[in-house]
PDB file of N, CA and C in Angstrom:
ATOM      1  N   UNK A   1       9.525  -0.317  20.861  1.00  0.00           N
ATOM      2  CA  UNK A   1       8.636  -0.675  19.550  1.00  0.00           C
ATOM      3  C   UNK A   1       8.438   0.621  18.780  1.00  0.00           C
ATOM      4  N   UNK A   2       8.151   0.533  17.057  1.00  0.00           N
ATOM      5  CA  UNK A   2       7.898   1.861  16.518  1.00  0.00           C
ATOM      6  C   UNK A   2       6.964   2.398  16.653  1.00  0.00           C
ATOM      7  N   UNK A   3       6.591   3.372  16.622  1.00  0.00           N
ATOM      8  CA  UNK A   3       5.363   4.016  16.967  1.00  0.00           C
ATOM      9  C   UNK A   3       4.159   3.592  16.115  1.00  0.00           C
ATOM     10  N   UNK A   4       4.514   3.282  14.888  1.00  0.00           N
ATOM     11  CA  UNK A   4       3.295   2.865  13.764  1.00  0.00           C
ATOM     12  C   UNK A   4       2.859   1.545  14.384  1.00  0.00           C
ATOM     13  N   UNK A   5       3.594   0.574  14.814  1.00  0.00           N
ATOM     14  CA  UNK A   5       3.583  -0.746  15.144  1.00  0.00           C
ATOM     15  C   UNK A   5       2.474  -0.779  16.667  1.00  0.00           C
ATOM     16  N   UNK A   6       3.182   0.443  17.630  1.00  0.00           N
ATOM     17  CA  UNK A   6       2.463   0.484  18.884  1.00  0.00           C
ATOM     18  C   UNK A   6       0.998   1.285  18.684  1.00  0.00           C
ATOM     19  N   UNK A   7       0.917   2.119  17.928  1.00  0.00           N
ATOM     20  CA  UNK A   7      -0.714   2.651  17.418  1.00  0.00           C
ATOM     21  C   UNK A   7      -1.451   1.596  17.081  1.00  0.00           C
ATOM     22  N   UNK A   8      -1.083   0.985  16.306  1.00  0.00           N
ATOM     23  CA  UNK A   8      -1.953  -0.550  15.896  1.00  0.00           C
ATOM     24  C   UNK A   8      -2.253  -1.728  17.275  1.00  0.00           C
ATOM     25  N   UNK A   9      -1.138  -1.939  17.571  1.00  0.00           N
ATOM     26  CA  UNK A   9      -0.915  -2.859  19.018  1.00  0.00           C
ATOM     27  C   UNK A   9      -2.132  -2.676  19.840  1.00  0.00           C
ATOM     28  N   UNK A  10      -2.032  -0.910  20.109  1.00  0.00           N
ATOM     29  CA  UNK A  10      -2.896  -0.783  21.319  1.00  0.00           C
ATOM     30  C   UNK A  10      -4.154   0.021  20.457  1.00  0.00           C
ATOM     31  N   UNK A  11      -4.777  -0.753  19.293  1.00  0.00           N
ATOM     32  CA  UNK A  11      -5.996  -0.438  18.639  1.00  0.00           C
ATOM     33  C   UNK A  11      -6.261   1.248  18.709  1.00  0.00           C
ATOM     34  N   UNK A  12      -5.202   1.862  18.806  1.00  0.00           N
ATOM     35  CA  UNK A  12      -5.975   3.318  18.846  1.00  0.00           C
ATOM     36  C   UNK A  12      -6.010   3.912  17.442  1.00  0.00           C
ATOM     37  N   UNK A  13      -5.035   3.102  16.339  1.00  0.00           N
ATOM     38  CA  UNK A  13      -5.758   3.326  14.748  1.00  0.00           C
ATOM     39  C   UNK A  13      -5.569   1.826  14.481  1.00  0.00           C
ATOM     40  N   UNK A  14      -6.665   1.230  12.938  1.00  0.00           N
ATOM     41  CA  UNK A  14      -6.639   0.076  12.834  1.00  0.00           C
ATOM     42  C   UNK A  14      -5.867  -0.606  12.025  1.00  0.00           C
ATOM     43  N   UNK A  15      -5.155  -0.134  10.928  1.00  0.00           N
ATOM     44  CA  UNK A  15      -3.838  -0.694  10.831  1.00  0.00           C
ATOM     45  C   UNK A  15      -2.864   0.242  10.498  1.00  0.00           C
ATOM     46  N   UNK A  16      -1.560  -0.580  10.253  1.00  0.00           N
ATOM     47  CA  UNK A  16      -0.317   0.052  10.982  1.00  0.00           C
ATOM     48  C   UNK A  16       0.363   0.758   9.547  1.00  0.00           C
ATOM     49  N   UNK A  17      -0.589   0.691   8.161  1.00  0.00           N
ATOM     50  CA  UNK A  17      -0.508   1.627   7.113  1.00  0.00           C
ATOM     51  C   UNK A  17      -0.815   2.939   7.105  1.00  0.00           C
ATOM     52  N   UNK A  18      -2.216   2.764   7.842  1.00  0.00           N
ATOM     53  CA  UNK A  18      -2.546   4.188   8.315  1.00  0.00           C
ATOM     54  C   UNK A  18      -2.184   5.033   9.317  1.00  0.00           C
ATOM     55  N   UNK A  19      -1.784   4.048  10.517  1.00  0.00           N
ATOM     56  CA  UNK A  19      -0.506   4.897  11.470  1.00  0.00           C
ATOM     57  C   UNK A  19       0.517   5.405  10.450  1.00  0.00           C
ATOM     58  N   UNK A  20       1.253   4.738  10.161  1.00  0.00           N
ATOM     59  CA  UNK A  20       2.361   5.141   9.158  1.00  0.00           C
ATOM     60  C   UNK A  20       1.936   6.506   8.504  1.00  0.00           C
ATOM     61  N   UNK A  21       0.906   6.379   7.708  1.00  0.00           N
ATOM     62  CA  UNK A  21       0.564   7.901   6.992  1.00  0.00           C
ATOM     63  C   UNK A  21       0.425   8.785   7.877  1.00  0.00           C
ATOM     64  N   UNK A  22      -0.641   8.718   8.865  1.00  0.00           N
ATOM     65  CA  UNK A  22      -0.291   9.820   9.839  1.00  0.00           C
ATOM     66  C   UNK A  22       0.527  10.184  10.405  1.00  0.00           C
ATOM     67  N   UNK A  23       1.501   9.250  10.648  1.00  0.00           N
ATOM     68  CA  UNK A  23       3.019  10.010  11.197  1.00  0.00           C
ATOM     69  C   UNK A  23       3.555  10.594  10.064  1.00  0.00           C
ATOM     70  N   UNK A  24       3.806  10.265   8.595  1.00  0.00           N
ATOM     71  CA  UNK A  24       4.674  11.106   7.676  1.00  0.00           C
ATOM     72  C   UNK A  24       3.366  12.447   7.743  1.00  0.00           C
ATOM     73  N   UNK A  25       2.171  12.422   7.671  1.00  0.00           N
ATOM     74  CA  UNK A  25       1.340  13.822   7.368  1.00  0.00           C
ATOM     75  C   UNK A  25       1.349  14.828   8.544  1.00  0.00           C
ATOM     76  N   UNK A  26       2.352  14.226   9.370  1.00  0.00           N
ATOM     77  CA  UNK A  26       2.612  15.155  10.879  1.00  0.00           C
ATOM     78  C   UNK A  26       1.234  15.165  12.184  1.00  0.00           C
ATOM     79  N   UNK A  27       0.519  14.454  11.773  1.00  0.00           N
ATOM     80  CA  UNK A  27      -0.528  14.131  12.265  1.00  0.00           C
ATOM     81  C   UNK A  27      -0.666  13.394  13.889  1.00  0.00           C
ATOM     82  N   UNK A  28       0.793  12.791  14.159  1.00  0.00           N
ATOM     83  CA  UNK A  28       0.855  12.219  15.246  1.00  0.00           C
ATOM     84  C   UNK A  28       1.859  13.295  15.904  1.00  0.00           C
ATOM     85  N   UNK A  29       1.884  13.556  17.275  1.00  0.00           N
ATOM     86  CA  UNK A  29       2.590  13.769  18.362  1.00  0.00           C
ATOM     87  C   UNK A  29       2.853  13.257  19.693  1.00  0.00           C
ATOM     88  N   UNK A  30       4.446  13.348  19.625  1.00  0.00           N
ATOM     89  CA  UNK A  30       4.933  12.680  20.953  1.00  0.00           C
ATOM     90  C   UNK A  30       5.846  13.690  21.913  1.00  0.00           C
ATOM     91  N   UNK A  31       5.054  13.583  22.790  1.00  0.00           N
ATOM     92  CA  UNK A  31       5.500  14.206  23.745  1.00  0.00           C
ATOM     93  C   UNK A  31       5.956  15.882  23.193  1.00  0.00           C
ATOM     94  N   UNK A  32       4.386  16.314  22.377  1.00  0.00           N
ATOM     95  CA  UNK A  32       4.518  17.432  21.867  1.00  0.00           C
ATOM     96  C   UNK A  32       5.478  17.818  20.509  1.00  0.00           C
ATOM     97  N   UNK A  33       5.939  16.831  20.463  1.00  0.00           N
ATOM     98  CA  UNK A  33       6.805  17.106  18.812  1.00  0.00           C
ATOM     99  C   UNK A  33       6.337  15.807  18.082  1.00  0.00           C
ATOM    100  N   UNK A  34       6.183  16.938  16.591  1.00  0.00           N
ATOM    101  CA  UNK A  34       6.120  15.289  15.588  1.00  0.00           C
ATOM    102  C   UNK A  34       6.825  14.548  15.629  1.00  0.00           C
ATOM    103  N   UNK A  35       6.094  13.359  15.679  1.00  0.00           N
ATOM    104  CA  UNK A  35       6.908  12.306  15.273  1.00  0.00           C
ATOM    105  C   UNK A  35       6.859  11.196  14.079  1.00  0.00           C
ATOM    106  N   UNK A  36       7.697  10.513  13.919  1.00  0.00           N
ATOM    107  CA  UNK A  36       8.106   9.809  12.313  1.00  0.00           C
ATOM    108  C   UNK A  36       7.495   8.550  12.871  1.00  0.00           C
ATOM    109  N   UNK A  37       7.092   7.587  11.953  1.00  0.00           N
ATOM    110  CA  UNK A  37       6.917   6.103  12.437  1.00  0.00           C
ATOM    111  C   UNK A  37       7.795   5.133  13.079  1.00  0.00           C
ATOM    112  N   UNK A  38       9.149   5.790  12.446  1.00  0.00           N
ATOM    113  CA  UNK A  38       9.942   4.841  13.372  1.00  0.00           C
ATOM    114  C   UNK A  38      10.397   5.403  14.905  1.00  0.00           C
ATOM    115  N   UNK A  39      10.111   6.270  15.664  1.00  0.00           N
ATOM    116  CA  UNK A  39      10.334   6.499  16.627  1.00  0.00           C
ATOM    117  C   UNK A  39       9.619   5.662  17.689  1.00  0.00           C
ATOM    118  N   UNK A  40      10.491   5.460  18.797  1.00  0.00           N
ATOM    119  CA  UNK A  40      11.022   4.235  19.422  1.00  0.00           C
ATOM    120  C   UNK A  40      10.013   4.481  20.693  1.00  0.00           C
ATOM    121  N   UNK A  41       8.651   4.122  21.229  1.00  0.00           N
ATOM    122  CA  UNK A  41       7.910   4.323  21.917  1.00  0.00           C
ATOM    123  C   UNK A  41       8.290   4.275  23.351  1.00  0.00           C
ATOM    124  N   UNK A  42       8.398   4.678  24.392  1.00  0.00           N
ATOM    125  CA  UNK A  42       8.430   4.506  25.642  1.00  0.00           C
ATOM    126  C   UNK A  42       7.376   4.551  26.665  1.00  0.00           C
ATOM    127  N   UNK A  43       7.709   3.937  27.833  1.00  0.00           N
ATOM    128  CA  UNK A  43       6.403   3.900  29.012  1.00  0.00           C
ATOM    129  C   UNK A  43       6.569   5.108  29.346  1.00  0.00           C
ATOM    130  N   UNK A  44       5.391   6.001  29.457  1.00  0.00           N
ATOM    131  CA  UNK A  44       5.621   7.613  29.873  1.00  0.00           C
ATOM    132  C   UNK A  44       5.443   8.532  28.919  1.00  0.00           C
ATOM    133  N   UNK A  45       5.556   8.035  27.866  1.00  0.00           N
ATOM    134  CA  UNK A  45       5.131   9.053  26.850  1.00  0.00           C
ATOM    135  C   UNK A  45       3.598   9.542  26.512  1.00  0.00           C
ATOM    136  N   UNK A  46       3.678  10.573  25.879  1.00  0.00           N
ATOM    137  CA  UNK A  46       2.426  11.148  25.683  1.00  0.00           C
ATOM    138  C   UNK A  46       2.013  11.191  24.390  1.00  0.00           C
ATOM    139  N   UNK A  47       1.239  10.554  23.685  1.00  0.00           N
ATOM    140  CA  UNK A  47       0.892  10.718  22.202  1.00  0.00           C
ATOM    141  C   UNK A  47      -0.487  11.009  22.208  1.00  0.00           C
ATOM    142  N   UNK A  48      -0.167  12.533  21.040  1.00  0.00           N
ATOM    143  CA  UNK A  48      -1.745  13.084  20.531  1.00  0.00           C
ATOM    144  C   UNK A  48      -1.758  12.762  19.085  1.00  0.00           C
ATOM    145  N   UNK A  49      -3.160  12.056  18.261  1.00  0.00           N
ATOM    146  CA  UNK A  49      -3.497  11.810  17.434  1.00  0.00           C
ATOM    147  C   UNK A  49      -4.332  12.624  16.718  1.00  0.00           C
ATOM    148  N   UNK A  50      -4.309  13.278  15.996  1.00  0.00           N
ATOM    149  CA  UNK A  50      -5.151  14.208  14.928  1.00  0.00           C
ATOM    150  C   UNK A  50      -5.986  13.637  14.308  1.00  0.00           C
ATOM    151  N   UNK A  51      -6.885  13.134  13.856  1.00  0.00           N
ATOM    152  CA  UNK A  51      -7.639  12.889  12.902  1.00  0.00           C
ATOM    153  C   UNK A  51      -8.603  13.611  13.082  1.00  0.00           C
ATOM    154  N   UNK A  52      -9.084  13.973  11.665  1.00  0.00           N
ATOM    155  CA  UNK A  52     -10.130  14.751  11.207  1.00  0.00           C
ATOM    156  C   UNK A  52     -10.176  15.722  12.352  1.00  0.00           C
ATOM    157  N   UNK A  53     -12.055  15.971  12.707  1.00  0.00           N
ATOM    158  CA  UNK A  53     -11.952  16.762  13.882  1.00  0.00           C
ATOM    159  C   UNK A  53     -11.523  16.634  15.125  1.00  0.00           C
ATOM    160  N   UNK A  54     -11.562  15.717  15.912  1.00  0.00           N
ATOM    161  CA  UNK A  54     -11.105  15.026  16.741  1.00  0.00           C
ATOM    162  C   UNK A  54      -9.804  14.887  17.047  1.00  0.00           C
ATOM    163  N   UNK A  55      -9.361  14.946  18.359  1.00  0.00           N
ATOM    164  CA  UNK A  55      -7.798  14.336  18.685  1.00  0.00           C
ATOM    165  C   UNK A  55      -8.021  13.954  19.873  1.00  0.00           C
ATOM    166  N   UNK A  56      -7.109  12.625  19.982  1.00  0.00           N
ATOM    167  CA  UNK A  56      -6.810  11.891  21.229  1.00  0.00           C
ATOM    168  C   UNK A  56      -5.719  12.192  21.618  1.00  0.00           C
ATOM    169  N   UNK A  57      -5.489  12.261  23.102  1.00  0.00           N
ATOM    170  CA  UNK A  57      -4.163  12.492  23.610  1.00  0.00           C
ATOM    171  C   UNK A  57      -4.410  11.056  25.018  1.00  0.00           C
ATOM    172  N   UNK A  58      -3.061  10.391  24.800  1.00  0.00           N
ATOM    173  CA  UNK A  58      -3.004   9.163  25.584  1.00  0.00           C
ATOM    174  C   UNK A  58      -1.513   9.108  26.329  1.00  0.00           C
ATOM    175  N   UNK A  59      -1.438   8.566  27.448  1.00  0.00           N
ATOM    176  CA  UNK A  59      -0.057   8.445  27.742  1.00  0.00           C
ATOM    177  C   UNK A  59       0.061   7.065  28.123  1.00  0.00           C
ATOM    178  N   UNK A  60       1.356   6.457  27.456  1.00  0.00           N
ATOM    179  CA  UNK A  60       1.621   5.273  27.308  1.00  0.00           C
ATOM    180  C   UNK A  60       1.819   4.717  28.683  1.00  0.00           C
ATOM    181  N   UNK A  61       1.331   3.324  29.026  1.00  0.00           N
ATOM    182  CA  UNK A  61       1.462   2.852  30.010  1.00  0.00           C
ATOM    183  C   UNK A  61       2.220   1.342  30.181  1.00  0.00           C
ATOM    184  N   UNK A  62       1.998   0.799  28.846  1.00  0.00           N
ATOM    185  CA  UNK A  62       3.095  -0.557  28.895  1.00  0.00           C
ATOM    186  C   UNK A  62       2.760  -0.657  27.157  1.00  0.00           C
ATOM    187  N   UNK A  63       4.011  -1.667  26.911  1.00  0.00           N
ATOM    188  CA  UNK A  63       4.181  -1.981  25.578  1.00  0.00           C
ATOM    189  C   UNK A  63       4.200  -3.353  25.266  1.00  0.00           C
ATOM    190  N   UNK A  64       3.130  -3.936  24.527  1.00  0.00           N
ATOM    191  CA  UNK A  64       3.035  -4.947  24.201  1.00  0.00           C
ATOM    192  C   UNK A  64       3.346  -5.509  23.075  1.00  0.00           C
ATOM    193  N   UNK A  65       4.191  -6.320  22.576  1.00  0.00           N
ATOM    194  CA  UNK A  65       4.546  -6.920  21.343  1.00  0.00           C
ATOM    195  C   UNK A  65       3.200  -7.608  20.576  1.00  0.00           C
ATOM    196  N   UNK A  66       2.198  -8.472  21.631  1.00  0.00           N
ATOM    197  CA  UNK A  66       1.054  -8.722  20.826  1.00  0.00           C
ATOM    198  C   UNK A  66      -0.459  -8.747  21.936  1.00  0.00           C
ATOM    199  N   UNK A  67      -1.167  -7.597  21.504  1.00  0.00           N
ATOM    200  CA  UNK A  67      -2.135  -7.286  22.714  1.00  0.00           C
ATOM    201  C   UNK A  67      -3.551  -7.786  22.341  1.00  0.00           C
ATOM    202  N   UNK A  68      -3.955  -8.733  23.130  1.00  0.00           N
ATOM    203  CA  UNK A  68      -5.454  -9.264  22.607  1.00  0.00           C
ATOM    204  C   UNK A  68      -6.965  -8.011  22.939  1.00  0.00           C
ATOM    205  N   UNK A  69      -7.536  -7.739  22.171  1.00  0.00           N
ATOM    206  CA  UNK A  69      -8.346  -7.138  22.055  1.00  0.00           C
ATOM    207  C   UNK A  69      -8.773  -6.017  23.286  1.00  0.00           C
ATOM    208  N   UNK A  70      -8.641  -7.166  24.303  1.00  0.00           N
ATOM    209  CA  UNK A  70      -9.065  -6.880  26.063  1.00  0.00           C
ATOM    210  C   UNK A  70      -7.591  -6.231  26.877  1.00  0.00           C
ATOM    211  N   UNK A  71      -6.794  -6.614  26.225  1.00  0.00           N
ATOM    212  CA  UNK A  71      -5.656  -6.157  26.851  1.00  0.00           C
ATOM    213  C   UNK A  71      -4.968  -4.547  26.309  1.00  0.00           C
ATOM    214  N   UNK A  72      -5.174  -4.106  24.889  1.00  0.00           N
ATOM    215  CA  UNK A  72      -4.898  -3.315  24.352  1.00  0.00           C
ATOM    216  C   UNK A  72      -5.199  -1.924  25.023  1.00  0.00           C
ATOM    217  N   UNK A  73      -6.747  -1.836  25.466  1.00  0.00           N
ATOM    218  CA  UNK A  73      -6.876  -1.111  26.452  1.00  0.00           C
ATOM    219  C   UNK A  73      -6.175  -0.742  27.539  1.00  0.00           C
ATOM    220  N   UNK A  74      -5.276  -1.830  27.982  1.00  0.00           N
ATOM    221  CA  UNK A  74      -4.570  -1.715  29.031  1.00  0.00           C
ATOM    222  C   UNK A  74      -3.434  -1.261  28.566  1.00  0.00           C
ATOM    223  N   UNK A  75      -2.491  -0.560  27.415  1.00  0.00           N
ATOM    224  CA  UNK A  75      -1.868  -0.366  27.439  1.00  0.00           C
ATOM    225  C   UNK A  75      -1.471   1.318  27.325  1.00  0.00           C
ATOM    226  N   UNK A  76      -2.753   1.739  27.259  1.00  0.00           N
ATOM    227  CA  UNK A  76      -2.633   3.734  27.431  1.00  0.00           C
ATOM    228  C   UNK A  76      -3.906   3.639  28.164  1.00  0.00           C
ATOM    229  N   UNK A  77      -3.882   5.272  28.864  1.00  0.00           N
ATOM    230  CA  UNK A  77      -4.296   5.746  29.335  1.00  0.00           C
ATOM    231  C   UNK A  77      -4.819   7.378  28.893  1.00  0.00           C
ATOM    232  N   UNK A  78      -6.235   7.631  28.742  1.00  0.00           N
ATOM    233  CA  UNK A  78      -6.636   8.762  27.959  1.00  0.00           C
ATOM    234  C   UNK A  78      -6.633  10.063  28.899  1.00  0.00           C
ATOM    235  N   UNK A  79      -6.046  10.865  28.752  1.00  0.00           N
ATOM    236  CA  UNK A  79      -5.949  12.277  29.425  1.00  0.00           C
ATOM    237  C   UNK A  79      -6.353  13.615  28.655  1.00  0.00           C
ATOM    238  N   UNK A  80      -6.887  14.066  29.025  1.00  0.00           N
ATOM    239  CA  UNK A  80      -7.570  15.248  28.513  1.00  0.00           C
ATOM    240  C   UNK A  80      -7.934  15.138  27.009  1.00  0.00           C
TER     241      UNK A  80
END
């Protein structure tokens, strides 16, 4: 699954266009490397999102095409 779509489906970023813009601006890192929106997310990847003053670091646990609000939080684990 594309990185921008994963960020939207997991509810880490509210809209796919915002996720795409964040990737283009270099604010999203995957495994400590700047990632493009087209990056293919895999289970076990570590994603770091830097929006404003806060940074969120998560590990991908599952990839779901359509996740409900309750299931979205189960697709990742917040780390440090």
